[in-house]
Amino acid sequence: MRGAIARRLVESKTQLPHFYVEIEIDAAPLLALREQLNVGLAAEGVKLSVNDFILKGSAEALRRVPAVNGSWEQTQIRYFSAAHVSFAVAIEDGLITPVIRDAHTKSIFQISLEAKTLGKLAKEKKLKLEQFTGGTFCVSNLGMMGIPRFSAIINPPNAAILAAGTIVKKPVVKHDQIVVGETMTLTLSCDHRVVDGAVGAQFLNALKQVLEAPALLLI
């Protein structure tokens, strides 16, 4: 597994022209809605994570900015009509990226349940081939490990990968007043053959919009 990871990462970093765009979001609305849903639906076994919102938000951002949902194929770009969103899971021998297929059509509750199931199978090394191949976009989240920001290496044949950092409490300016805010840094690594800077910025702004108004993800 380490050998396969090494080959793919070297291929990605040396053959894909990476560039990076970064945005900071106000995570307070997301945290408030998550807590409200988890408390209200605890009896039904619902326990949403921040990553569930990021996965659902990424699928919605891909729907709004479909130019990111593509792949370079030698002499042409292939664009995908479906958002198959994968997410990085650390396992004993390295990492693997289970895929939530058609994430753009699924509710955040469906995505949460599927992500938990796939994550468990990944750690038990029981994933089937079709459960970790065919992704069109990837999310890597080190927030639960306390990392405030980082840049991820693209997972070919995807054209982009999103790196999510931890939520940080810090002074922010709201309505010309300095208050304690809760922010999250999101970094998009892009394959410049497919995604231009303006398109990457549009994607991150679309993601920022839905994560800062997370009730939109429940519709």
N, C-alpha and C. Protein backbone atom coordinates (compact mmCIF):
# COMPACT_ATOMS: atom_id res chain seq x y z
N MET A 1 0.82 -1.20 0.00
CA MET A 1 0.00 0.00 0.00
C MET A 1 0.86 1.26 0.00
N ARG A 2 1.93 1.25 0.83
CA ARG A 2 2.81 2.43 0.86
C ARG A 2 3.45 2.66 -0.51
N GLY A 3 3.79 1.57 -1.20
CA GLY A 3 4.38 1.70 -2.53
C GLY A 3 3.40 2.32 -3.52
N ALA A 4 2.13 1.88 -3.46
CA ALA A 4 1.11 2.41 -4.35
C ALA A 4 0.86 3.89 -4.06
N ILE A 5 0.80 4.23 -2.76
CA ILE A 5 0.61 5.63 -2.37
C ILE A 5 1.78 6.48 -2.88
N ALA A 6 2.99 5.97 -2.70
CA ALA A 6 4.18 6.71 -3.13
C ALA A 6 4.15 6.98 -4.63
N ARG A 7 3.81 5.96 -5.41
CA ARG A 7 3.78 6.13 -6.87
C ARG A 7 2.75 7.17 -7.29
N ARG A 8 1.56 7.09 -6.68
CA ARG A 8 0.47 8.00 -7.06
C ARG A 8 0.77 9.44 -6.64
N LEU A 9 1.37 9.61 -5.48
CA LEU A 9 1.66 10.96 -5.02
C LEU A 9 2.78 11.61 -5.83
N VAL A 10 3.80 10.84 -6.16
CA VAL A 10 4.87 11.37 -7.01
C VAL A 10 4.32 11.73 -8.38
N GLU A 11 3.49 10.85 -8.93
CA GLU A 11 2.87 11.12 -10.22
C GLU A 11 2.03 12.41 -10.16
N SER A 12 1.24 12.54 -9.10
CA SER A 12 0.38 13.70 -8.97
C SER A 12 1.18 14.99 -8.83
N LYS A 13 2.17 14.97 -7.94
CA LYS A 13 2.91 16.20 -7.64
C LYS A 13 3.82 16.62 -8.78
N THR A 14 4.30 15.66 -9.59
CA THR A 14 5.24 16.00 -10.66
C THR A 14 4.55 16.22 -12.00
N GLN A 15 3.38 15.62 -12.20
CA GLN A 15 2.71 15.70 -13.50
C GLN A 15 1.51 16.64 -13.51
N LEU A 16 0.92 16.89 -12.36
CA LEU A 16 -0.23 17.79 -12.29
C LEU A 16 0.23 19.17 -11.83
N PRO A 17 -0.05 20.21 -12.61
CA PRO A 17 0.35 21.57 -12.22
C PRO A 17 -0.56 22.09 -11.11
N HIS A 18 -0.15 21.84 -9.87
CA HIS A 18 -0.94 22.26 -8.71
C HIS A 18 -0.92 23.78 -8.52
N PHE A 19 -2.05 24.33 -8.13
CA PHE A 19 -2.06 25.66 -7.52
C PHE A 19 -3.10 25.64 -6.41
N TYR A 20 -3.04 26.62 -5.53
CA TYR A 20 -3.83 26.56 -4.30
C TYR A 20 -4.60 27.87 -4.08
N VAL A 21 -5.84 27.72 -3.66
CA VAL A 21 -6.63 28.88 -3.24
C VAL A 21 -7.20 28.57 -1.85
N GLU A 22 -7.29 29.60 -1.04
CA GLU A 22 -7.66 29.42 0.36
C GLU A 22 -8.73 30.42 0.76
N ILE A 23 -9.63 29.99 1.63
CA ILE A 23 -10.67 30.89 2.12
C ILE A 23 -10.94 30.58 3.59
N GLU A 24 -11.33 31.61 4.33
CA GLU A 24 -11.69 31.44 5.74
C GLU A 24 -13.19 31.64 5.88
N ILE A 25 -13.85 30.74 6.59
CA ILE A 25 -15.29 30.85 6.74
C ILE A 25 -15.66 31.04 8.22
N ASP A 26 -16.82 31.63 8.42
CA ASP A 26 -17.40 31.76 9.75
C ASP A 26 -18.10 30.44 10.07
N ALA A 27 -17.55 29.66 10.98
CA ALA A 27 -18.07 28.33 11.28
C ALA A 27 -19.14 28.34 12.38
N ALA A 28 -19.39 29.49 12.98
CA ALA A 28 -20.35 29.54 14.09
C ALA A 28 -21.75 29.08 13.69
N PRO A 29 -22.31 29.51 12.55
CA PRO A 29 -23.64 29.03 12.17
C PRO A 29 -23.70 27.52 11.97
N LEU A 30 -22.64 26.97 11.39
CA LEU A 30 -22.57 25.52 11.17
C LEU A 30 -22.58 24.78 12.50
N LEU A 31 -21.77 25.25 13.46
CA LEU A 31 -21.70 24.60 14.76
C LEU A 31 -23.03 24.69 15.50
N ALA A 32 -23.70 25.84 15.37
CA ALA A 32 -24.98 26.02 16.05
C ALA A 32 -26.04 25.10 15.48
N LEU A 33 -26.12 25.00 14.15
CA LEU A 33 -27.12 24.12 13.52
C LEU A 33 -26.82 22.66 13.82
N ARG A 34 -25.53 22.31 13.76
CA ARG A 34 -25.14 20.92 14.06
C ARG A 34 -25.57 20.52 15.47
N GLU A 35 -25.31 21.40 16.44
CA GLU A 35 -25.69 21.09 17.82
C GLU A 35 -27.21 20.97 17.95
N GLN A 36 -27.93 21.87 17.32
CA GLN A 36 -29.39 21.84 17.39
C GLN A 36 -29.94 20.54 16.81
N LEU A 37 -29.43 20.12 15.67
CA LEU A 37 -29.89 18.88 15.04
C LEU A 37 -29.51 17.66 15.87
N ASN A 38 -28.29 17.64 16.37
CA ASN A 38 -27.84 16.48 17.15
C ASN A 38 -28.61 16.33 18.45
N VAL A 39 -28.93 17.46 19.10
CA VAL A 39 -29.72 17.40 20.33
C VAL A 39 -31.15 16.99 20.03
N GLY A 40 -31.73 17.60 19.00
CA GLY A 40 -33.12 17.33 18.68
C GLY A 40 -33.38 15.94 18.14
N LEU A 41 -32.37 15.36 17.49
CA LEU A 41 -32.56 14.06 16.85
C LEU A 41 -31.74 12.96 17.51
N ALA A 42 -31.26 13.21 18.73
CA ALA A 42 -30.44 12.22 19.43
C ALA A 42 -31.18 10.92 19.64
N ALA A 43 -32.49 11.00 19.92
CA ALA A 43 -33.29 9.80 20.17
C ALA A 43 -33.37 8.92 18.93
N GLU A 44 -33.17 9.52 17.75
CA GLU A 44 -33.21 8.76 16.49
C GLU A 44 -31.82 8.30 16.07
N GLY A 45 -30.83 8.52 16.93
CA GLY A 45 -29.47 8.07 16.65
C GLY A 45 -28.70 8.96 15.70
N VAL A 46 -29.17 10.20 15.49
CA VAL A 46 -28.48 11.12 14.58
C VAL A 46 -27.33 11.80 15.31
N LYS A 47 -26.15 11.76 14.70
CA LYS A 47 -25.00 12.47 15.24
C LYS A 47 -24.16 12.97 14.06
N LEU A 48 -24.47 14.18 13.62
CA LEU A 48 -23.78 14.76 12.48
C LEU A 48 -22.42 15.30 12.88
N SER A 49 -21.43 15.14 12.02
CA SER A 49 -20.10 15.69 12.25
C SER A 49 -19.91 16.92 11.39
N VAL A 50 -18.90 17.71 11.71
CA VAL A 50 -18.56 18.86 10.87
C VAL A 50 -18.21 18.38 9.47
N ASN A 51 -17.54 17.24 9.37
CA ASN A 51 -17.15 16.72 8.06
C ASN A 51 -18.34 16.36 7.20
N ASP A 52 -19.45 15.93 7.83
CA ASP A 52 -20.66 15.64 7.07
C ASP A 52 -21.14 16.89 6.34
N PHE A 53 -21.10 18.03 7.03
CA PHE A 53 -21.49 19.29 6.41
C PHE A 53 -20.54 19.67 5.28
N ILE A 54 -19.24 19.41 5.48
CA ILE A 54 -18.26 19.73 4.44
C ILE A 54 -18.48 18.86 3.20
N LEU A 55 -18.77 17.59 3.41
CA LEU A 55 -19.02 16.69 2.28
C LEU A 55 -20.26 17.12 1.51
N LYS A 56 -21.34 17.39 2.24
CA LYS A 56 -22.58 17.84 1.59
C LYS A 56 -22.37 19.19 0.94
N GLY A 57 -21.68 20.10 1.62
CA GLY A 57 -21.40 21.41 1.04
C GLY A 57 -20.56 21.33 -0.22
N SER A 58 -19.59 20.41 -0.24
CA SER A 58 -18.75 20.23 -1.42
C SER A 58 -19.58 19.75 -2.60
N ALA A 59 -20.50 18.82 -2.35
CA ALA A 59 -21.37 18.33 -3.42
C ALA A 59 -22.23 19.45 -3.98
N GLU A 60 -22.74 20.31 -3.10
CA GLU A 60 -23.56 21.43 -3.55
C GLU A 60 -22.71 22.44 -4.31
N ALA A 61 -21.49 22.71 -3.84
CA ALA A 61 -20.60 23.63 -4.55
C ALA A 61 -20.23 23.09 -5.92
N LEU A 62 -20.05 21.77 -6.04
CA LEU A 62 -19.78 21.15 -7.34
C LEU A 62 -20.97 21.31 -8.28
N ARG A 63 -22.17 21.24 -7.72
CA ARG A 63 -23.36 21.43 -8.54
C ARG A 63 -23.42 22.87 -9.05
N ARG A 64 -23.03 23.81 -8.21
CA ARG A 64 -23.07 25.23 -8.58
C ARG A 64 -21.91 25.62 -9.50
N VAL A 65 -20.76 24.98 -9.31
CA VAL A 65 -19.57 25.28 -10.12
C VAL A 65 -19.07 23.97 -10.73
N PRO A 66 -19.77 23.45 -11.73
CA PRO A 66 -19.46 22.13 -12.28
C PRO A 66 -18.11 22.03 -12.98
N ALA A 67 -17.48 23.18 -13.28
CA ALA A 67 -16.18 23.14 -13.96
C ALA A 67 -15.10 22.51 -13.09
N VAL A 68 -15.33 22.44 -11.76
CA VAL A 68 -14.35 21.80 -10.86
C VAL A 68 -14.51 20.28 -10.88
N ASN A 69 -15.68 19.82 -11.28
CA ASN A 69 -16.00 18.39 -11.25
C ASN A 69 -15.58 17.74 -12.57
N GLY A 70 -14.26 17.72 -12.80
CA GLY A 70 -13.76 17.21 -14.06
C GLY A 70 -12.45 16.47 -13.90
N SER A 71 -11.91 16.04 -15.04
CA SER A 71 -10.67 15.27 -15.04
C SER A 71 -9.94 15.49 -16.36
N TRP A 72 -8.61 15.63 -16.29
CA TRP A 72 -7.80 15.78 -17.50
C TRP A 72 -7.52 14.41 -18.10
N GLU A 73 -7.84 14.26 -19.39
CA GLU A 73 -7.64 12.97 -20.06
C GLU A 73 -6.79 13.17 -21.31
N GLN A 74 -5.50 13.31 -21.09
CA GLN A 74 -4.49 13.39 -22.15
C GLN A 74 -4.67 14.61 -23.06
N THR A 75 -5.71 14.65 -23.86
CA THR A 75 -5.90 15.77 -24.79
C THR A 75 -7.24 16.47 -24.61
N GLN A 76 -7.99 16.08 -23.60
CA GLN A 76 -9.30 16.68 -23.40
C GLN A 76 -9.67 16.68 -21.92
N ILE A 77 -10.69 17.45 -21.59
CA ILE A 77 -11.22 17.47 -20.23
C ILE A 77 -12.54 16.74 -20.22
N ARG A 78 -12.70 15.82 -19.29
CA ARG A 78 -14.00 15.16 -19.10
C ARG A 78 -14.68 15.78 -17.89
N TYR A 79 -15.91 16.24 -18.09
CA TYR A 79 -16.70 16.77 -16.98
C TYR A 79 -17.75 15.75 -16.58
N PHE A 80 -18.00 15.68 -15.27
CA PHE A 80 -18.93 14.69 -14.74
C PHE A 80 -20.23 15.35 -14.30
N SER A 81 -21.34 14.71 -14.63
CA SER A 81 -22.64 15.27 -14.26
C SER A 81 -22.99 14.94 -12.82
N ALA A 82 -22.35 13.91 -12.25
CA ALA A 82 -22.62 13.49 -10.88
C ALA A 82 -21.44 13.84 -9.98
N ALA A 83 -21.75 14.21 -8.75
CA ALA A 83 -20.70 14.52 -7.76
C ALA A 83 -20.47 13.29 -6.89
N HIS A 84 -19.43 12.53 -7.21
CA HIS A 84 -19.03 11.38 -6.41
C HIS A 84 -17.91 11.85 -5.48
N VAL A 85 -18.26 12.19 -4.26
CA VAL A 85 -17.33 12.84 -3.33
C VAL A 85 -16.64 11.80 -2.45
N SER A 86 -15.33 11.74 -2.55
CA SER A 86 -14.57 10.83 -1.70
C SER A 86 -13.99 11.60 -0.51
N PHE A 87 -13.57 10.87 0.51
CA PHE A 87 -12.99 11.50 1.69
C PHE A 87 -11.87 10.63 2.22
N ALA A 88 -10.80 11.27 2.66
CA ALA A 88 -9.60 10.55 3.09
C ALA A 88 -9.81 9.95 4.48
N VAL A 89 -9.47 8.68 4.61
CA VAL A 89 -9.54 7.98 5.89
C VAL A 89 -8.15 7.42 6.21
N ALA A 90 -7.61 7.78 7.35
CA ALA A 90 -6.31 7.26 7.78
C ALA A 90 -6.48 5.85 8.29
N ILE A 91 -5.67 4.93 7.76
CA ILE A 91 -5.67 3.56 8.24
C ILE A 91 -4.23 3.19 8.62
N GLU A 92 -4.07 2.01 9.14
CA GLU A 92 -2.77 1.60 9.69
C GLU A 92 -1.65 1.69 8.66
N ASP A 93 -1.93 1.31 7.41
CA ASP A 93 -0.88 1.25 6.40
C ASP A 93 -0.75 2.54 5.58
N GLY A 94 -1.62 3.51 5.81
CA GLY A 94 -1.56 4.73 5.02
C GLY A 94 -2.90 5.44 5.02
N LEU A 95 -3.50 5.58 3.85
CA LEU A 95 -4.83 6.17 3.78
C LEU A 95 -5.56 5.63 2.57
N ILE A 96 -6.89 5.79 2.63
CA ILE A 96 -7.75 5.31 1.54
C ILE A 96 -8.89 6.30 1.42
N THR A 97 -9.52 6.37 0.25
CA THR A 97 -10.55 7.38 0.01
C THR A 97 -11.87 6.74 -0.40
N PRO A 98 -12.70 6.36 0.56
CA PRO A 98 -14.03 5.85 0.22
C PRO A 98 -14.84 6.92 -0.51
N VAL A 99 -15.79 6.48 -1.33
CA VAL A 99 -16.55 7.39 -2.19
C VAL A 99 -18.03 7.37 -1.84
N ILE A 100 -18.59 8.56 -1.65
CA ILE A 100 -20.04 8.70 -1.52
C ILE A 100 -20.57 9.07 -2.90
N ARG A 101 -21.20 8.12 -3.55
CA ARG A 101 -21.66 8.33 -4.92
C ARG A 101 -22.93 9.18 -4.94
N ASP A 102 -23.01 10.01 -5.99
CA ASP A 102 -24.19 10.87 -6.18
C ASP A 102 -24.50 11.68 -4.92
N ALA A 103 -23.45 12.23 -4.33
CA ALA A 103 -23.62 13.00 -3.09
C ALA A 103 -24.52 14.21 -3.29
N HIS A 104 -24.59 14.72 -4.52
CA HIS A 104 -25.43 15.89 -4.80
C HIS A 104 -26.92 15.56 -4.68
N THR A 105 -27.28 14.28 -4.72
CA THR A 105 -28.69 13.89 -4.63
C THR A 105 -29.08 13.41 -3.24
N LYS A 106 -28.11 13.34 -2.32
CA LYS A 106 -28.37 12.76 -1.00
C LYS A 106 -28.48 13.83 0.07
N SER A 107 -29.29 13.55 1.08
CA SER A 107 -29.41 14.48 2.20
C SER A 107 -28.17 14.40 3.07
N ILE A 108 -28.00 15.39 3.92
CA ILE A 108 -26.85 15.38 4.82
C ILE A 108 -26.94 14.20 5.78
N PHE A 109 -28.15 13.76 6.09
CA PHE A 109 -28.32 12.62 6.99
C PHE A 109 -27.90 11.33 6.29
N GLN A 110 -28.24 11.20 5.01
CA GLN A 110 -27.80 10.03 4.24
C GLN A 110 -26.29 10.01 4.10
N ILE A 111 -25.71 11.18 3.82
CA ILE A 111 -24.26 11.27 3.67
C ILE A 111 -23.57 10.92 4.98
N SER A 112 -24.10 11.39 6.10
CA SER A 112 -23.52 11.10 7.41
C SER A 112 -23.50 9.61 7.69
N LEU A 113 -24.63 8.96 7.44
CA LEU A 113 -24.73 7.52 7.69
C LEU A 113 -23.78 6.74 6.78
N GLU A 114 -23.74 7.13 5.51
CA GLU A 114 -22.88 6.43 4.55
C GLU A 114 -21.40 6.65 4.88
N ALA A 115 -21.05 7.86 5.27
CA ALA A 115 -19.65 8.16 5.61
C ALA A 115 -19.20 7.35 6.82
N LYS A 116 -20.07 7.23 7.81
CA LYS A 116 -19.72 6.43 8.99
C LYS A 116 -19.54 4.97 8.63
N THR A 117 -20.42 4.45 7.80
CA THR A 117 -20.34 3.04 7.38
C THR A 117 -19.07 2.78 6.58
N LEU A 118 -18.79 3.67 5.61
CA LEU A 118 -17.60 3.50 4.77
C LEU A 118 -16.32 3.69 5.58
N GLY A 119 -16.33 4.63 6.51
CA GLY A 119 -15.16 4.86 7.35
C GLY A 119 -14.83 3.64 8.20
N LYS A 120 -15.88 3.01 8.73
CA LYS A 120 -15.70 1.81 9.55
C LYS A 120 -15.15 0.66 8.71
N LEU A 121 -15.71 0.49 7.51
CA LEU A 121 -15.23 -0.56 6.62
C LEU A 121 -13.77 -0.31 6.21
N ALA A 122 -13.43 0.96 6.01
CA ALA A 122 -12.06 1.30 5.62
C ALA A 122 -11.07 0.91 6.71
N LYS A 123 -11.40 1.23 7.95
CA LYS A 123 -10.50 0.92 9.06
C LYS A 123 -10.39 -0.59 9.28
N GLU A 124 -11.45 -1.32 8.92
CA GLU A 124 -11.44 -2.78 9.05
C GLU A 124 -10.87 -3.45 7.80
N LYS A 125 -10.49 -2.64 6.81
CA LYS A 125 -9.95 -3.14 5.53
C LYS A 125 -10.94 -4.06 4.83
N LYS A 126 -12.20 -3.65 4.84
CA LYS A 126 -13.25 -4.46 4.23
C LYS A 126 -13.94 -3.75 3.07
N LEU A 127 -13.38 -2.64 2.60
CA LEU A 127 -13.99 -1.93 1.49
C LEU A 127 -13.89 -2.74 0.20
N LYS A 128 -14.98 -2.74 -0.56
CA LYS A 128 -14.96 -3.34 -1.89
C LYS A 128 -14.37 -2.33 -2.87
N LEU A 129 -13.87 -2.82 -4.01
CA LEU A 129 -13.21 -1.96 -4.99
C LEU A 129 -14.10 -0.79 -5.40
N GLU A 130 -15.38 -1.08 -5.64
CA GLU A 130 -16.28 -0.02 -6.09
C GLU A 130 -16.58 1.01 -5.01
N GLN A 131 -16.20 0.71 -3.77
CA GLN A 131 -16.46 1.65 -2.67
C GLN A 131 -15.33 2.65 -2.48
N PHE A 132 -14.20 2.47 -3.15
CA PHE A 132 -13.12 3.45 -3.03
C PHE A 132 -12.52 3.83 -4.38
N THR A 133 -13.26 3.61 -5.46
CA THR A 133 -12.83 4.05 -6.79
C THR A 133 -13.97 4.83 -7.44
N GLY A 134 -13.61 5.65 -8.42
CA GLY A 134 -14.62 6.38 -9.17
C GLY A 134 -15.01 7.72 -8.60
N GLY A 135 -14.29 8.21 -7.60
CA GLY A 135 -14.59 9.53 -7.06
C GLY A 135 -14.24 10.63 -8.06
N THR A 136 -15.00 11.73 -8.02
CA THR A 136 -14.72 12.86 -8.91
C THR A 136 -14.17 14.07 -8.18
N PHE A 137 -14.17 14.01 -6.84
CA PHE A 137 -13.68 15.11 -6.01
C PHE A 137 -13.35 14.51 -4.65
N CYS A 138 -12.38 15.09 -3.95
CA CYS A 138 -11.95 14.51 -2.68
C CYS A 138 -11.87 15.57 -1.58
N VAL A 139 -12.20 15.15 -0.36
CA VAL A 139 -12.08 16.00 0.82
C VAL A 139 -11.10 15.36 1.79
N SER A 140 -10.14 16.14 2.26
CA SER A 140 -9.21 15.68 3.29
C SER A 140 -9.36 16.60 4.50
N ASN A 141 -9.70 16.04 5.64
CA ASN A 141 -9.99 16.85 6.83
C ASN A 141 -9.06 16.44 7.97
N LEU A 142 -8.19 17.37 8.37
CA LEU A 142 -7.32 17.14 9.52
C LEU A 142 -7.75 18.00 10.71
N GLY A 143 -8.95 18.55 10.60
CA GLY A 143 -9.45 19.39 11.67
C GLY A 143 -9.56 18.67 12.99
N MET A 144 -9.98 17.40 12.95
CA MET A 144 -10.13 16.64 14.19
C MET A 144 -8.79 16.36 14.87
N MET A 145 -7.70 16.61 14.14
CA MET A 145 -6.36 16.44 14.70
C MET A 145 -5.73 17.77 15.10
N GLY A 146 -6.53 18.84 15.05
CA GLY A 146 -6.05 20.14 15.52
C GLY A 146 -5.21 20.92 14.55
N ILE A 147 -5.18 20.53 13.27
CA ILE A 147 -4.38 21.24 12.27
C ILE A 147 -5.19 22.42 11.73
N PRO A 148 -4.70 23.64 11.86
CA PRO A 148 -5.50 24.80 11.46
C PRO A 148 -5.63 24.98 9.95
N ARG A 149 -4.57 24.63 9.19
CA ARG A 149 -4.64 24.74 7.73
C ARG A 149 -3.55 23.88 7.11
N PHE A 150 -3.82 23.38 5.91
CA PHE A 150 -2.81 22.61 5.18
C PHE A 150 -3.23 22.55 3.72
N SER A 151 -2.32 22.10 2.87
CA SER A 151 -2.60 21.91 1.45
C SER A 151 -2.44 20.43 1.11
N ALA A 152 -3.44 19.87 0.46
CA ALA A 152 -3.42 18.45 0.13
C ALA A 152 -2.95 18.23 -1.30
N ILE A 153 -2.39 17.06 -1.57
CA ILE A 153 -1.98 16.68 -2.92
C ILE A 153 -3.19 16.06 -3.63
N ILE A 154 -3.42 16.49 -4.87
CA ILE A 154 -4.57 16.02 -5.64
C ILE A 154 -4.52 14.51 -5.83
N ASN A 155 -5.68 13.89 -5.75
CA ASN A 155 -5.82 12.45 -5.92
C ASN A 155 -6.27 12.17 -7.36
N PRO A 156 -5.34 11.86 -8.27
CA PRO A 156 -5.72 11.64 -9.67
C PRO A 156 -6.73 10.49 -9.79
N PRO A 157 -7.66 10.56 -10.73
CA PRO A 157 -7.75 11.54 -11.82
C PRO A 157 -8.57 12.78 -11.48
N ASN A 158 -8.85 13.02 -10.20
CA ASN A 158 -9.59 14.23 -9.81
C ASN A 158 -8.82 15.48 -10.22
N ALA A 159 -9.55 16.57 -10.40
CA ALA A 159 -8.92 17.84 -10.75
C ALA A 159 -8.74 18.74 -9.54
N ALA A 160 -9.27 18.32 -8.38
CA ALA A 160 -9.15 19.17 -7.20
C ALA A 160 -9.35 18.32 -5.94
N ILE A 161 -8.82 18.86 -4.84
CA ILE A 161 -9.02 18.25 -3.52
C ILE A 161 -9.16 19.38 -2.51
N LEU A 162 -10.07 19.21 -1.57
CA LEU A 162 -10.30 20.22 -0.54
C LEU A 162 -9.66 19.79 0.77
N ALA A 163 -8.88 20.69 1.37
CA ALA A 163 -8.26 20.44 2.67
C ALA A 163 -8.97 21.31 3.71
N ALA A 164 -9.50 20.67 4.74
CA ALA A 164 -10.25 21.37 5.78
C ALA A 164 -9.47 21.35 7.09
N GLY A 165 -9.28 22.51 7.67
CA GLY A 165 -8.58 22.62 8.94
C GLY A 165 -9.54 22.64 10.11
N THR A 166 -8.98 22.71 11.31
CA THR A 166 -9.80 22.71 12.51
C THR A 166 -10.51 24.05 12.69
N ILE A 167 -11.56 24.07 13.47
CA ILE A 167 -12.26 25.30 13.79
C ILE A 167 -11.51 26.01 14.92
N VAL A 168 -11.18 27.27 14.69
CA VAL A 168 -10.34 28.04 15.61
C VAL A 168 -11.14 29.20 16.18
N LYS A 169 -11.06 29.37 17.50
CA LYS A 169 -11.63 30.55 18.15
C LYS A 169 -10.59 31.66 18.12
N LYS A 170 -10.99 32.84 17.61
CA LYS A 170 -10.06 33.96 17.54
C LYS A 170 -10.83 35.25 17.38
N PRO A 171 -10.18 36.39 17.61
CA PRO A 171 -10.87 37.67 17.42
C PRO A 171 -11.17 37.90 15.94
N VAL A 172 -12.41 38.31 15.65
CA VAL A 172 -12.80 38.65 14.28
C VAL A 172 -13.58 39.96 14.33
N VAL A 173 -13.69 40.60 13.17
CA VAL A 173 -14.45 41.85 13.08
C VAL A 173 -15.82 41.57 12.50
N LYS A 174 -16.86 41.90 13.28
CA LYS A 174 -18.24 41.79 12.82
C LYS A 174 -18.96 43.10 13.10
N HIS A 175 -19.53 43.67 12.03
CA HIS A 175 -20.23 44.94 12.17
C HIS A 175 -19.33 46.00 12.84
N ASP A 176 -18.07 46.00 12.39
CA ASP A 176 -17.07 46.97 12.87
C ASP A 176 -16.75 46.81 14.35
N GLN A 177 -17.07 45.66 14.91
CA GLN A 177 -16.74 45.37 16.30
C GLN A 177 -15.85 44.13 16.37
N ILE A 178 -14.87 44.14 17.29
CA ILE A 178 -14.04 42.95 17.47
C ILE A 178 -14.73 42.02 18.46
N VAL A 179 -15.02 40.80 18.00
CA VAL A 179 -15.70 39.80 18.83
C VAL A 179 -14.96 38.48 18.72
N VAL A 180 -15.30 37.54 19.59
CA VAL A 180 -14.72 36.20 19.50
C VAL A 180 -15.47 35.43 18.42
N GLY A 181 -14.73 34.98 17.43
CA GLY A 181 -15.33 34.23 16.33
C GLY A 181 -14.82 32.80 16.28
N GLU A 182 -15.51 31.98 15.49
CA GLU A 182 -15.11 30.59 15.26
C GLU A 182 -14.94 30.42 13.76
N THR A 183 -13.71 30.24 13.33
CA THR A 183 -13.42 30.22 11.89
C THR A 183 -12.80 28.89 11.47
N MET A 184 -12.95 28.61 10.19
CA MET A 184 -12.34 27.41 9.60
C MET A 184 -11.68 27.82 8.29
N THR A 185 -10.47 27.31 8.06
CA THR A 185 -9.75 27.58 6.82
C THR A 185 -9.90 26.39 5.88
N LEU A 186 -10.31 26.68 4.65
CA LEU A 186 -10.46 25.67 3.61
C LEU A 186 -9.49 25.99 2.48
N THR A 187 -8.72 24.99 2.05
CA THR A 187 -7.74 25.18 0.98
C THR A 187 -8.05 24.22 -0.16
N LEU A 188 -8.20 24.77 -1.35
CA LEU A 188 -8.49 23.95 -2.53
C LEU A 188 -7.23 23.82 -3.37
N SER A 189 -6.77 22.58 -3.57
CA SER A 189 -5.67 22.30 -4.48
C SER A 189 -6.27 21.97 -5.84
N CYS A 190 -5.80 22.64 -6.88
CA CYS A 190 -6.40 22.49 -8.21
C CYS A 190 -5.38 22.06 -9.25
N ASP A 191 -5.83 21.27 -10.21
CA ASP A 191 -5.06 20.92 -11.40
C ASP A 191 -5.32 22.03 -12.42
N HIS A 192 -4.29 22.83 -12.70
CA HIS A 192 -4.48 24.01 -13.54
C HIS A 192 -4.85 23.67 -14.97
N ARG A 193 -4.66 22.43 -15.38
CA ARG A 193 -5.07 22.04 -16.72
C ARG A 193 -6.59 22.02 -16.85
N VAL A 194 -7.26 21.84 -15.72
CA VAL A 194 -8.72 21.73 -15.71
C VAL A 194 -9.37 22.94 -15.07
N VAL A 195 -8.80 23.36 -13.93
CA VAL A 195 -9.42 24.42 -13.12
C VAL A 195 -8.53 25.67 -13.13
N ASP A 196 -9.08 26.77 -13.59
CA ASP A 196 -8.37 28.05 -13.54
C ASP A 196 -8.59 28.71 -12.18
N GLY A 197 -7.79 29.74 -11.90
CA GLY A 197 -7.86 30.40 -10.60
C GLY A 197 -9.24 30.97 -10.30
N ALA A 198 -9.86 31.60 -11.29
CA ALA A 198 -11.18 32.19 -11.08
C ALA A 198 -12.21 31.12 -10.76
N VAL A 199 -12.09 29.97 -11.42
CA VAL A 199 -13.05 28.88 -11.17
C VAL A 199 -12.86 28.30 -9.77
N GLY A 200 -11.59 28.14 -9.36
CA GLY A 200 -11.33 27.67 -8.01
C GLY A 200 -11.88 28.63 -6.97
N ALA A 201 -11.74 29.93 -7.23
CA ALA A 201 -12.28 30.94 -6.31
C ALA A 201 -13.80 30.89 -6.26
N GLN A 202 -14.43 30.68 -7.41
CA GLN A 202 -15.89 30.57 -7.45
C GLN A 202 -16.37 29.37 -6.64
N PHE A 203 -15.64 28.27 -6.74
CA PHE A 203 -16.01 27.07 -5.98
C PHE A 203 -15.94 27.34 -4.48
N LEU A 204 -14.81 27.93 -4.03
CA LEU A 204 -14.65 28.18 -2.60
C LEU A 204 -15.68 29.18 -2.09
N ASN A 205 -16.03 30.16 -2.90
CA ASN A 205 -17.05 31.11 -2.48
C ASN A 205 -18.43 30.46 -2.40
N ALA A 206 -18.71 29.54 -3.32
CA ALA A 206 -19.98 28.80 -3.26
C ALA A 206 -20.01 27.93 -2.01
N LEU A 207 -18.88 27.30 -1.69
CA LEU A 207 -18.80 26.46 -0.50
C LEU A 207 -18.95 27.31 0.76
N LYS A 208 -18.31 28.46 0.77
CA LYS A 208 -18.41 29.38 1.91
C LYS A 208 -19.86 29.80 2.12
N GLN A 209 -20.55 30.08 1.04
CA GLN A 209 -21.94 30.53 1.13
C GLN A 209 -22.82 29.49 1.80
N VAL A 210 -22.69 28.23 1.41
CA VAL A 210 -23.58 27.21 1.97
C VAL A 210 -23.16 26.80 3.38
N LEU A 211 -21.86 26.84 3.68
CA LEU A 211 -21.43 26.48 5.03
C LEU A 211 -21.72 27.58 6.04
N GLU A 212 -21.75 28.82 5.60
CA GLU A 212 -22.10 29.91 6.50
C GLU A 212 -23.60 30.10 6.65
N ALA A 213 -24.37 29.48 5.75
CA ALA A 213 -25.84 29.43 5.87
C ALA A 213 -26.25 27.96 5.73
N PRO A 214 -25.84 27.13 6.71
CA PRO A 214 -25.93 25.67 6.55
C PRO A 214 -27.35 25.11 6.44
N ALA A 215 -28.35 25.91 6.81
CA ALA A 215 -29.72 25.43 6.63
C ALA A 215 -30.02 25.16 5.15
N LEU A 216 -29.28 25.83 4.24
CA LEU A 216 -29.45 25.58 2.82
C LEU A 216 -29.16 24.12 2.46
N LEU A 217 -28.30 23.49 3.25
CA LEU A 217 -27.92 22.10 2.97
C LEU A 217 -29.00 21.11 3.40
N LEU A 218 -30.00 21.59 4.11
CA LEU A 218 -31.09 20.71 4.57
C LEU A 218 -32.25 20.69 3.59
N ILE A 219 -32.20 21.59 2.60
CA ILE A 219 -33.32 21.69 1.65
C ILE A 219 -33.23 20.56 0.61
